[in-house]
Amino acid sequence: MKNITEQLILSLAPNPAAAANGKKISNSGGFVELCRSADDTFFMGECKGSGKSPYITSADYIDENHPVFRCSCPSRQFPCKHSLGLMYEMMSDKTFEICEIPEDIVSKRTKIAAKSAKTTNEDTPEDAEKAKKKTAAKKTSNSAKIKKQKKQLEGLELCEKAVKELISAGLGTMGGTSLSNYQDLSKQFGDYYLIGIQRLFNRLIIEITEYQKDNLEQHYDNAIDVLEKLNSLIKKSRKYITEKIENDDPAADDTPLYEELGGNWKLTELEAVGKCEKDVRLTQLSFNVAYDESRKEFIDTGVWVDLKNGKIFQTKNFRPLKSLKHVKADDSVFGAVNVPSMAVYPGEGNVRVRWDAAEFSELCSEDFEKLRSFAANSVKDEIKSIRNFLQNAMSSPVIYKLIAFAEIGKIGDKTVLKTKGGDSVALCDFAEFEPTTDKIEALPGKKFLKNGVMLCGFHYDLEERKIAAQPLCIIPDGENSVVRLLY
């Protein structure tokens, strides 16, 4: 029988409600018949529905990493609740009678195999003609990309002019009529294919608008920070695009500028530039959902540790406000995730990763020992790299580190983490995250506050004018568990 976990079911479900309904069907005895093939690649069930005839649902595991779910019900969800219910039956070790694989499934498998084999056959005259057309299409595509990049250069000139005017005249000039002019300008950046520039400009407008409402210095500081990022992005982008045009090489390459300028990486493109890791074992230690007003998107962010080498990665799922119904939300993941092939986005720090298929398993004692071994014993030893990262205008405002602590306590009204190396760092919340620092006081008992490991989100505290850390999770001393403060 297949090793099915609830975490796997939840990861495949189109939404939590579908998974809950599937579990309800299984628990209430909704399946009247269950069967499977002798080789454990095909599972099928008859499930009671609202009509006279039961629904026939199946799971085809001929490709282990990409199971195919089918159901005779009229649901538009995929997998539907009956398919998820079938997986809950498998997880519960229900009795499945041995059966032959239906002819229609065998036929579908044959067609898929034939299509796959066709791509590996020797070239025929027809294949040669297709290759010729493909080459011509590539040339046309390259010409279109270069034309787009030239348009981007025009937009960069427009943005640089606006930034220089703002720096010269002062941010206070972005008010009244001029603010609406800048809003119109931001919309134009989309016509110049400068999505990253457009998002930063939107953030600038938002901060200035808020500053005009409440006169809080924080908004003014944030606006200055955005201007610095814009200035840096303009310079680096102009150099990057100019070189691409001069070399007649518009293809995406190993640089975060491609995405900053509005490009969207495909997994195949990341693999083509060598941004891929094989056979990775990860565990998620933190999860956050935030709304980005400048992007008009919800962003689901998971923070993961590679259990082989201690690298810390991020997964990001972008859900535009205008299409929330069509984009599945990510969720917290507990345990270990075994990934056959993981794409790694260009960048520094805790870079973004993505994968198509994974298997879920429980964390073992060895995994927890490794997590503890990855933790730094001193913030002082890490502070230089943290500061250099945060000072880079193009970097994320947060960098994640595992820190081994001796104790967590109060100094005055501040919560402080004292490391095993004897130094300390203030714990406080980052503005874009859900608050977690106060949760430390609610932890039961003192055992969580001594000799453990903490995942920290290091950021620059504008109020205190120094680097601080937001507590995200604690791995207690001597226990095979994770206490997640942001999950």
Protein backbone atom coordinates (compact mmCIF):
# COMPACT_ATOMS: atom_id res chain seq x y z
CA MET A 1 0.00 0.00 0.00
CA LYS A 2 1.19 3.54 -0.75
CA ASN A 3 2.64 5.61 2.09
CA ILE A 4 0.03 8.38 2.28
CA THR A 5 0.22 11.09 4.94
CA GLU A 6 -2.32 13.78 5.78
CA GLN A 7 0.28 16.42 4.96
CA LEU A 8 0.53 14.98 1.44
CA ILE A 9 -3.26 15.07 1.05
CA LEU A 10 -3.41 18.68 2.23
CA SER A 11 -0.66 19.66 -0.21
CA LEU A 12 -2.64 18.19 -3.13
CA ALA A 13 -6.02 19.58 -2.08
CA PRO A 14 -7.26 22.67 -3.98
CA ASN A 15 -8.27 24.19 -0.63
CA PRO A 16 -8.61 23.13 3.04
CA ALA A 17 -12.41 22.71 2.72
CA ALA A 18 -12.00 20.08 -0.02
CA ALA A 19 -9.59 18.10 2.17
CA ALA A 20 -11.96 18.35 5.16
CA ASN A 21 -14.89 17.14 3.02
CA GLY A 22 -12.79 14.25 1.69
CA LYS A 23 -11.88 13.23 5.23
CA LYS A 24 -15.56 13.43 6.23
CA ILE A 25 -16.52 11.11 3.36
CA SER A 26 -13.91 8.59 4.45
CA ASN A 27 -14.80 8.75 8.16
CA SER A 28 -18.54 8.38 7.48
CA GLY A 29 -18.14 5.22 5.39
CA GLY A 30 -18.85 6.91 2.07
CA PHE A 31 -16.92 4.32 0.05
CA VAL A 32 -18.86 1.16 -0.70
CA GLU A 33 -16.09 -0.60 -2.64
CA LEU A 34 -12.31 -0.27 -2.79
CA CYS A 35 -9.80 -1.98 -5.05
CA ARG A 36 -6.20 -1.66 -6.23
CA SER A 37 -3.87 -3.17 -8.79
CA ALA A 38 -1.40 -5.84 -7.71
CA ASP A 39 1.55 -3.51 -8.42
CA ASP A 40 0.12 -0.70 -6.25
CA THR A 41 0.08 1.80 -9.13
CA PHE A 42 -3.71 2.09 -9.42
CA PHE A 43 -6.39 2.65 -6.75
CA MET A 44 -10.13 2.94 -7.29
CA GLY A 45 -13.22 3.37 -5.18
CA GLU A 46 -16.99 3.62 -5.50
CA CYS A 47 -18.30 6.49 -3.40
CA LYS A 48 -21.89 7.24 -2.46
CA GLY A 49 -23.04 10.53 -3.97
CA SER A 50 -26.17 12.63 -4.12
CA GLY A 51 -27.57 10.66 -7.08
CA LYS A 52 -28.68 7.04 -7.49
CA SER A 53 -25.37 5.83 -8.92
CA PRO A 54 -22.12 5.99 -6.93
CA TYR A 55 -19.20 8.06 -8.19
CA ILE A 56 -16.18 6.19 -9.53
CA THR A 57 -12.94 7.80 -8.40
CA SER A 58 -9.38 6.64 -9.03
CA ALA A 59 -5.74 7.50 -8.41
CA ASP A 60 -3.16 6.46 -11.01
CA TYR A 61 0.44 6.29 -9.73
CA ILE A 62 2.15 5.09 -12.92
CA ASP A 63 4.28 8.25 -12.49
CA GLU A 64 5.05 8.19 -8.76
CA ASN A 65 5.74 11.93 -8.51
CA HIS A 66 2.73 13.02 -10.58
CA PRO A 67 -0.36 10.95 -9.63
CA VAL A 68 -3.41 11.38 -11.84
CA PHE A 69 -6.81 11.65 -10.14
CA ARG A 70 -10.05 10.99 -11.98
CA CYS A 71 -13.67 11.05 -10.81
CA SER A 72 -17.09 10.74 -12.44
CA CYS A 73 -18.56 13.49 -10.27
CA PRO A 74 -19.37 16.90 -11.84
CA SER A 75 -17.06 18.88 -9.52
CA ARG A 76 -14.71 21.42 -11.09
CA GLN A 77 -12.26 21.12 -8.21
CA PHE A 78 -9.13 19.08 -8.82
CA PRO A 79 -8.58 16.77 -7.08
CA CYS A 80 -12.22 16.65 -5.99
CA LYS A 81 -13.35 15.72 -2.48
CA HIS A 82 -14.00 12.12 -3.57
CA SER A 83 -10.42 11.73 -4.84
CA LEU A 84 -9.16 13.17 -1.56
CA GLY A 85 -11.50 10.83 0.31
CA LEU A 86 -9.94 7.91 -1.57
CA MET A 87 -6.51 9.04 -0.36
CA TYR A 88 -7.80 9.15 3.22
CA GLU A 89 -9.00 5.55 2.73
CA MET A 90 -5.49 4.62 1.60
CA MET A 91 -3.95 6.46 4.57
CA SER A 92 -6.25 4.58 6.96
CA ASP A 93 -5.04 1.20 5.67
CA LYS A 94 -8.55 0.21 4.57
CA THR A 95 -8.85 -3.12 2.78
CA PHE A 96 -8.48 -2.77 -1.01
CA GLU A 97 -9.36 -5.83 -3.08
CA ILE A 98 -6.93 -6.72 -5.87
CA CYS A 99 -8.32 -5.88 -9.31
CA GLU A 100 -7.24 -5.57 -12.93
CA ILE A 101 -6.45 -2.10 -14.23
CA PRO A 102 -9.45 -0.93 -16.33
CA GLU A 103 -8.95 -0.91 -20.11
CA ASP A 104 -9.57 2.83 -20.42
CA ILE A 105 -6.79 3.51 -17.89
CA VAL A 106 -4.43 1.15 -19.75
CA SER A 107 -5.27 2.96 -22.99
CA LYS A 108 -4.56 6.37 -21.47
CA ARG A 109 -1.26 5.12 -20.09
CA THR A 110 -0.30 3.78 -23.52
CA LYS A 111 -1.01 7.12 -25.19
CA ILE A 112 1.09 8.98 -22.63
CA ALA A 113 3.97 6.51 -23.03
CA ALA A 114 3.79 6.76 -26.84
CA LYS A 115 3.89 10.53 -26.69
CA SER A 116 6.92 10.38 -24.39
CA ALA A 117 8.71 7.85 -26.60
CA LYS A 118 8.08 9.97 -29.69
CA THR A 119 10.22 12.75 -28.28
CA THR A 120 13.20 10.37 -27.93
CA ASN A 121 13.02 8.81 -31.43
CA GLU A 122 15.51 9.66 -34.15
CA ASP A 123 14.69 12.68 -36.26
CA THR A 124 12.43 12.13 -39.26
CA PRO A 125 11.93 14.58 -42.16
CA GLU A 126 8.87 15.82 -40.32
CA ASP A 127 10.93 16.33 -37.17
CA ALA A 128 13.57 18.23 -39.17
CA GLU A 129 10.89 20.54 -40.56
CA LYS A 130 9.56 21.11 -37.05
CA ALA A 131 13.08 21.90 -35.82
CA LYS A 132 13.50 24.41 -38.65
CA LYS A 133 10.27 26.13 -37.72
CA LYS A 134 11.30 26.10 -34.07
CA THR A 135 14.60 27.81 -34.92
CA ALA A 136 12.77 30.47 -36.94
CA ALA A 137 10.33 30.99 -34.09
CA LYS A 138 13.25 31.39 -31.66
CA LYS A 139 14.79 34.10 -33.86
CA THR A 140 11.46 35.90 -33.96
CA SER A 141 11.15 35.54 -30.20
CA ASN A 142 14.66 36.95 -29.66
CA SER A 143 13.84 39.95 -31.86
CA ALA A 144 10.71 40.59 -29.82
CA LYS A 145 12.67 40.30 -26.55
CA ILE A 146 15.31 42.78 -27.74
CA LYS A 147 12.57 45.19 -28.82
CA LYS A 148 11.05 44.82 -25.35
CA GLN A 149 14.43 45.49 -23.69
CA LYS A 150 14.90 48.67 -25.74
CA LYS A 151 11.48 49.77 -24.53
CA GLN A 152 12.61 49.05 -20.96
CA LEU A 153 15.61 51.35 -21.42
CA GLU A 154 13.23 54.15 -22.42
CA GLY A 155 11.20 53.54 -19.27
CA LEU A 156 14.32 53.57 -17.10
CA GLU A 157 15.21 57.01 -18.46
CA LEU A 158 11.72 58.23 -17.53
CA CYS A 159 11.99 56.77 -14.03
CA GLU A 160 15.48 58.19 -13.46
CA LYS A 161 14.23 61.65 -14.39
CA ALA A 162 11.37 61.37 -11.89
CA VAL A 163 13.68 60.11 -9.11
CA LYS A 164 16.16 62.96 -9.68
CA GLU A 165 13.34 65.50 -9.54
CA LEU A 166 12.09 64.06 -6.25
CA ILE A 167 15.56 64.01 -4.69
CA SER A 168 16.19 67.58 -5.85
CA ALA A 169 12.83 69.06 -4.88
CA GLY A 170 12.18 66.89 -1.82
CA LEU A 171 9.54 64.26 -1.11
CA GLY A 172 7.22 66.92 0.24
CA THR A 173 6.50 67.95 -3.36
CA MET A 174 4.62 64.66 -3.87
CA GLY A 175 1.32 66.10 -2.75
CA GLY A 176 -1.94 67.35 -4.19
CA THR A 177 -1.95 67.46 -7.98
CA SER A 178 1.64 66.21 -8.31
CA LEU A 179 0.77 63.00 -6.43
CA SER A 180 -1.85 62.11 -9.03
CA ASN A 181 0.74 62.81 -11.73
CA TYR A 182 3.10 60.31 -10.09
CA GLN A 183 0.27 57.79 -9.91
CA ASP A 184 -0.23 58.18 -13.66
CA LEU A 185 3.51 57.80 -14.16
CA SER A 186 3.51 54.56 -12.19
CA LYS A 187 0.86 53.14 -14.52
CA GLN A 188 3.06 54.00 -17.51
CA PHE A 189 5.89 51.80 -16.22
CA GLY A 190 3.71 48.80 -17.00
CA ASP A 191 3.70 49.88 -20.66
CA TYR A 192 7.51 49.90 -20.51
CA TYR A 193 7.57 46.32 -19.11
CA LEU A 194 9.11 47.56 -15.86
CA ILE A 195 6.95 45.71 -13.34
CA GLY A 196 9.59 45.79 -10.59
CA ILE A 197 10.07 49.54 -11.03
CA GLN A 198 6.29 50.00 -11.01
CA ARG A 199 5.92 48.13 -7.70
CA LEU A 200 8.64 50.21 -6.04
CA PHE A 201 7.06 53.42 -7.33
CA ASN A 202 3.70 52.29 -5.94
CA ARG A 203 5.36 51.69 -2.55
CA LEU A 204 6.83 55.20 -2.69
CA ILE A 205 3.39 56.71 -3.38
CA ILE A 206 1.84 54.68 -0.53
CA GLU A 207 4.47 55.81 1.99
CA ILE A 208 4.18 59.49 1.00
CA THR A 209 0.37 59.31 1.12
CA GLU A 210 0.55 57.87 4.66
CA TYR A 211 3.12 60.46 5.70
CA GLN A 212 0.80 63.26 4.58
CA LYS A 213 -1.94 61.75 6.77
CA ASP A 214 -0.06 61.22 10.05
CA ASN A 215 3.39 62.90 9.67
CA LEU A 216 5.05 59.83 11.18
CA GLU A 217 8.78 59.82 10.50
CA GLN A 218 8.68 56.09 9.81
CA HIS A 219 6.81 56.64 6.52
CA TYR A 220 9.32 59.28 5.46
CA ASP A 221 12.22 56.90 6.26
CA ASN A 222 10.49 54.13 4.31
CA ALA A 223 10.07 56.47 1.33
CA ILE A 224 13.78 57.33 1.40
CA ASP A 225 14.57 53.61 1.48
CA VAL A 226 12.38 53.05 -1.60
CA LEU A 227 14.12 55.92 -3.43
CA GLU A 228 17.50 54.30 -2.71
CA LYS A 229 16.24 50.98 -4.08
CA LEU A 230 14.86 52.70 -7.17
CA ASN A 231 18.11 54.52 -7.80
CA SER A 232 20.13 51.31 -7.41
CA LEU A 233 17.75 49.27 -9.59
CA ILE A 234 17.82 51.88 -12.37
CA LYS A 235 21.63 51.88 -12.55
CA LYS A 236 22.04 48.11 -12.41
CA SER A 237 19.17 47.48 -14.83
CA ARG A 238 20.46 49.93 -17.44
CA LYS A 239 23.89 48.25 -17.43
CA TYR A 240 22.35 44.76 -17.55
CA ILE A 241 19.88 45.51 -20.39
CA THR A 242 22.47 47.40 -22.46
CA GLU A 243 24.85 44.44 -22.32
CA LYS A 244 22.06 42.04 -23.30
CA ILE A 245 21.19 44.15 -26.35
CA GLU A 246 24.83 44.64 -27.41
CA ASN A 247 25.51 40.88 -27.15
CA ASP A 248 22.24 40.02 -28.94
CA ASP A 249 21.45 37.70 -26.04
CA PRO A 250 18.02 38.53 -24.58
CA ALA A 251 17.58 35.19 -22.79
CA ALA A 252 17.15 35.05 -19.01
CA ASP A 253 20.34 34.36 -17.04
CA ASP A 254 21.60 33.86 -13.50
CA THR A 255 20.75 37.24 -12.00
CA PRO A 256 17.96 38.53 -9.73
CA LEU A 257 17.62 41.54 -12.05
CA TYR A 258 15.61 39.43 -14.49
CA GLU A 259 12.83 39.03 -11.92
CA GLU A 260 13.20 42.57 -10.55
CA LEU A 261 12.47 43.84 -14.07
CA GLY A 262 9.24 41.85 -14.15
CA GLY A 263 10.41 38.53 -15.60
CA ASN A 264 8.81 35.27 -14.46
CA TRP A 265 11.10 32.27 -14.19
CA LYS A 266 9.94 28.89 -15.46
CA LEU A 267 11.35 25.81 -13.74
CA THR A 268 12.87 24.68 -17.04
CA GLU A 269 14.63 28.05 -17.42
CA LEU A 270 16.14 27.83 -13.94
CA GLU A 271 17.37 24.31 -14.68
CA ALA A 272 18.86 25.53 -17.99
CA VAL A 273 21.07 28.07 -16.17
CA GLY A 274 22.16 25.49 -13.60
CA LYS A 275 19.92 26.68 -10.76
CA CYS A 276 18.77 23.25 -9.63
CA GLU A 277 19.52 20.94 -6.68
CA LYS A 278 18.75 17.22 -6.56
CA ASP A 279 17.52 14.97 -3.75
CA VAL A 280 16.94 17.66 -1.13
CA ARG A 281 15.47 17.06 2.31
CA LEU A 282 13.84 20.14 3.88
CA THR A 283 11.78 21.11 6.87
CA GLN A 284 9.66 24.24 7.22
CA LEU A 285 10.23 26.23 10.42
CA SER A 286 8.03 29.28 9.79
CA PHE A 287 5.12 30.40 7.61
CA ASN A 288 3.60 33.84 7.08
CA VAL A 289 0.85 35.38 4.96
CA ALA A 290 1.11 39.11 4.22
CA TYR A 291 -0.69 41.51 1.94
CA ASP A 292 1.51 43.74 -0.24
CA GLU A 293 -0.44 46.88 -1.13
CA SER A 294 2.06 47.95 -3.81
CA ARG A 295 1.65 44.61 -5.61
CA LYS A 296 -2.05 44.14 -4.78
CA GLU A 297 -1.14 40.58 -3.83
CA PHE A 298 -1.16 38.25 -0.86
CA ILE A 299 2.24 36.58 -0.42
CA ASP A 300 2.52 33.21 1.34
CA THR A 301 6.10 32.80 2.59
CA GLY A 302 7.59 29.60 4.00
CA VAL A 303 11.05 29.47 5.62
CA TRP A 304 12.83 26.14 5.13
CA VAL A 305 16.07 24.56 6.32
CA ASP A 306 18.02 22.10 4.16
CA LEU A 307 18.59 19.16 6.51
CA LYS A 308 21.75 18.16 4.66
CA ASN A 309 23.74 21.40 4.85
CA GLY A 310 21.79 23.93 6.94
CA LYS A 311 21.04 26.38 4.12
CA ILE A 312 17.90 28.42 4.74
CA PHE A 313 15.55 28.97 1.81
CA GLN A 314 12.18 30.61 1.18
CA THR A 315 9.14 29.54 -0.81
CA LYS A 316 6.83 32.28 -2.03
CA ASN A 317 3.33 31.96 -3.41
CA PHE A 318 1.90 35.15 -4.97
CA ARG A 319 -1.90 35.49 -5.00
CA PRO A 320 -3.14 38.59 -6.87
CA LEU A 321 -6.16 40.19 -5.25
CA LYS A 322 -8.08 40.14 -8.54
CA SER A 323 -7.69 36.37 -8.98
CA LEU A 324 -7.82 34.95 -5.44
CA LYS A 325 -10.47 32.41 -6.46
CA HIS A 326 -8.15 30.88 -9.02
CA VAL A 327 -4.86 30.71 -7.08
CA LYS A 328 -4.51 28.11 -4.35
CA ALA A 329 -3.12 29.41 -1.05
CA ASP A 330 -0.07 27.78 0.50
CA ASP A 331 -0.22 26.53 4.07
CA SER A 332 2.08 25.52 6.92
CA VAL A 333 3.97 22.27 6.38
CA PHE A 334 5.12 20.11 9.27
CA GLY A 335 7.61 17.26 9.16
CA ALA A 336 10.16 16.69 6.39
CA VAL A 337 9.79 17.20 2.65
CA ASN A 338 11.91 15.08 0.30
CA VAL A 339 12.33 16.84 -3.04
CA PRO A 340 13.78 14.98 -6.07
CA SER A 341 14.51 18.21 -7.98
CA MET A 342 14.43 21.74 -6.55
CA ALA A 343 14.77 24.92 -8.63
CA VAL A 344 16.74 27.72 -6.94
CA TYR A 345 16.12 31.35 -7.86
CA PRO A 346 19.11 33.67 -8.40
CA GLY A 347 19.98 35.95 -5.52
CA GLU A 348 21.74 36.22 -2.17
CA GLY A 349 20.73 35.36 1.37
CA ASN A 350 17.71 33.09 1.85
CA VAL A 351 16.93 32.66 -1.83
CA ARG A 352 13.58 31.49 -3.14
CA VAL A 353 13.13 27.84 -4.15
CA ARG A 354 10.39 25.92 -5.89
CA TRP A 355 9.55 22.34 -6.84
CA ASP A 356 6.93 20.35 -8.69
CA ALA A 357 6.84 17.13 -6.71
CA ALA A 358 7.79 16.01 -3.19
CA GLU A 359 7.24 13.25 -0.66
CA PHE A 360 6.37 13.95 2.97
CA SER A 361 7.76 12.12 5.99
CA GLU A 362 8.17 12.58 9.72
CA LEU A 363 11.21 14.28 11.22
CA CYS A 364 13.54 11.88 13.03
CA SER A 365 15.99 12.36 15.92
CA GLU A 366 18.87 12.77 13.47
CA ASP A 367 17.03 15.67 11.78
CA PHE A 368 16.70 17.54 15.08
CA GLU A 369 20.38 16.92 15.88
CA LYS A 370 21.29 18.42 12.51
CA LEU A 371 19.08 21.48 13.07
CA ARG A 372 20.89 22.14 16.35
CA SER A 373 24.29 21.67 14.70
CA PHE A 374 23.46 24.29 12.04
CA ALA A 375 22.84 27.05 14.63
CA ALA A 376 25.42 29.80 15.16
CA ASN A 377 26.67 30.18 18.75
CA SER A 378 27.17 33.94 18.46
CA VAL A 379 25.29 36.79 16.81
CA LYS A 380 28.52 38.77 16.91
CA ASP A 381 30.08 36.33 14.45
CA GLU A 382 27.10 36.71 12.11
CA ILE A 383 26.46 40.44 12.43
CA LYS A 384 28.87 41.56 9.69
CA SER A 385 27.26 39.39 7.02
CA ILE A 386 23.79 40.37 8.30
CA ARG A 387 24.61 44.08 8.16
CA ASN A 388 26.15 43.83 4.68
CA PHE A 389 23.08 41.99 3.42
CA LEU A 390 20.56 44.43 4.91
CA GLN A 391 22.49 47.47 3.66
CA ASN A 392 22.28 46.26 0.07
CA ALA A 393 19.48 48.31 -1.50
CA MET A 394 18.48 45.36 -3.68
CA SER A 395 18.25 42.84 -0.83
CA SER A 396 15.26 41.63 1.15
CA PRO A 397 14.66 43.62 4.38
CA VAL A 398 14.90 40.37 6.39
CA ILE A 399 17.49 37.59 6.58
CA TYR A 400 16.90 34.35 8.49
CA LYS A 401 19.46 32.66 10.77
CA LEU A 402 19.45 29.80 13.27
CA ILE A 403 20.94 30.97 16.59
CA ALA A 404 21.82 28.80 19.60
CA PHE A 405 20.82 30.67 22.77
CA ALA A 406 21.72 30.29 26.43
CA GLU A 407 18.63 32.10 27.64
CA ILE A 408 15.85 34.50 26.68
CA GLY A 409 14.75 37.13 29.14
CA LYS A 410 13.95 40.76 29.86
CA ILE A 411 16.29 43.72 30.18
CA GLY A 412 14.07 46.57 31.22
CA ASP A 413 11.08 46.46 28.91
CA LYS A 414 13.05 44.75 26.09
CA THR A 415 13.03 41.03 25.33
CA VAL A 416 16.61 39.88 24.73
CA LEU A 417 18.22 36.70 23.43
CA LYS A 418 21.59 35.86 24.99
CA THR A 419 23.64 33.54 22.81
CA LYS A 420 25.81 30.65 23.92
CA GLY A 421 28.75 32.79 22.79
CA GLY A 422 27.91 35.36 25.46
CA ASP A 423 26.59 38.20 23.28
CA SER A 424 22.99 39.26 22.88
CA VAL A 425 20.43 40.70 20.46
CA ALA A 426 17.12 42.48 21.06
CA LEU A 427 14.01 40.60 19.97
CA CYS A 428 11.33 42.71 18.32
CA ASP A 429 8.78 42.34 15.54
CA PHE A 430 9.33 43.24 11.90
CA ALA A 431 6.57 45.55 10.62
CA GLU A 432 5.55 43.28 7.72
CA PHE A 433 5.16 40.14 9.88
CA GLU A 434 2.54 39.07 12.37
CA PRO A 435 3.81 39.93 15.91
CA THR A 436 5.52 37.05 17.73
CA THR A 437 7.77 38.54 20.41
CA ASP A 438 4.97 38.77 23.00
CA LYS A 439 4.18 35.09 22.43
CA ILE A 440 7.45 34.15 24.14
CA GLU A 441 6.03 35.23 27.50
CA ALA A 442 3.04 32.94 26.95
CA LEU A 443 5.19 29.81 26.54
CA PRO A 444 4.48 27.27 29.32
CA GLY A 445 7.47 26.84 31.64
CA LYS A 446 11.05 28.10 31.52
CA LYS A 447 12.42 25.10 29.61
CA PHE A 448 11.72 26.81 26.27
CA LEU A 449 13.77 29.84 27.28
CA LYS A 450 17.10 28.14 28.05
CA ASN A 451 19.71 26.36 25.93
CA GLY A 452 17.64 26.04 22.77
CA VAL A 453 17.88 27.05 19.12
CA MET A 454 15.83 29.88 17.61
CA LEU A 455 15.05 30.76 14.01
CA CYS A 456 15.42 34.55 13.89
CA GLY A 457 14.34 37.03 11.24
CA PHE A 458 17.06 39.71 11.39
CA HIS A 459 16.00 43.19 10.28
CA TYR A 460 16.86 46.84 10.86
CA ASP A 461 14.83 48.35 13.70
CA LEU A 462 14.07 51.91 12.54
CA GLU A 463 12.95 53.02 16.00
CA GLU A 464 16.09 51.84 17.80
CA ARG A 465 18.36 52.42 14.78
CA LYS A 466 20.02 49.03 15.06
CA ILE A 467 19.71 45.42 13.93
CA ALA A 468 17.15 43.34 15.80
CA ALA A 469 15.66 39.86 15.42
CA GLN A 470 12.09 38.63 15.31
CA PRO A 471 11.63 35.20 16.97
CA LEU A 472 10.01 32.75 14.55
CA CYS A 473 10.40 29.35 16.18
CA ILE A 474 12.23 27.57 19.02
CA ILE A 475 13.79 24.11 18.98
CA PRO A 476 13.89 23.21 22.70
CA ASP A 477 16.94 21.61 24.26
CA GLY A 478 16.77 17.82 24.40
CA GLU A 479 13.39 17.55 22.66
CA ASN A 480 12.46 16.38 19.17
CA SER A 481 9.96 19.16 18.60
CA VAL A 482 9.62 22.64 17.13
CA VAL A 483 7.65 25.42 18.83
CA ARG A 484 6.51 27.66 15.96
CA LEU A 485 5.68 31.26 16.86
CA LEU A 486 4.82 32.19 13.26
CA TYR A 487 3.14 29.28 11.49
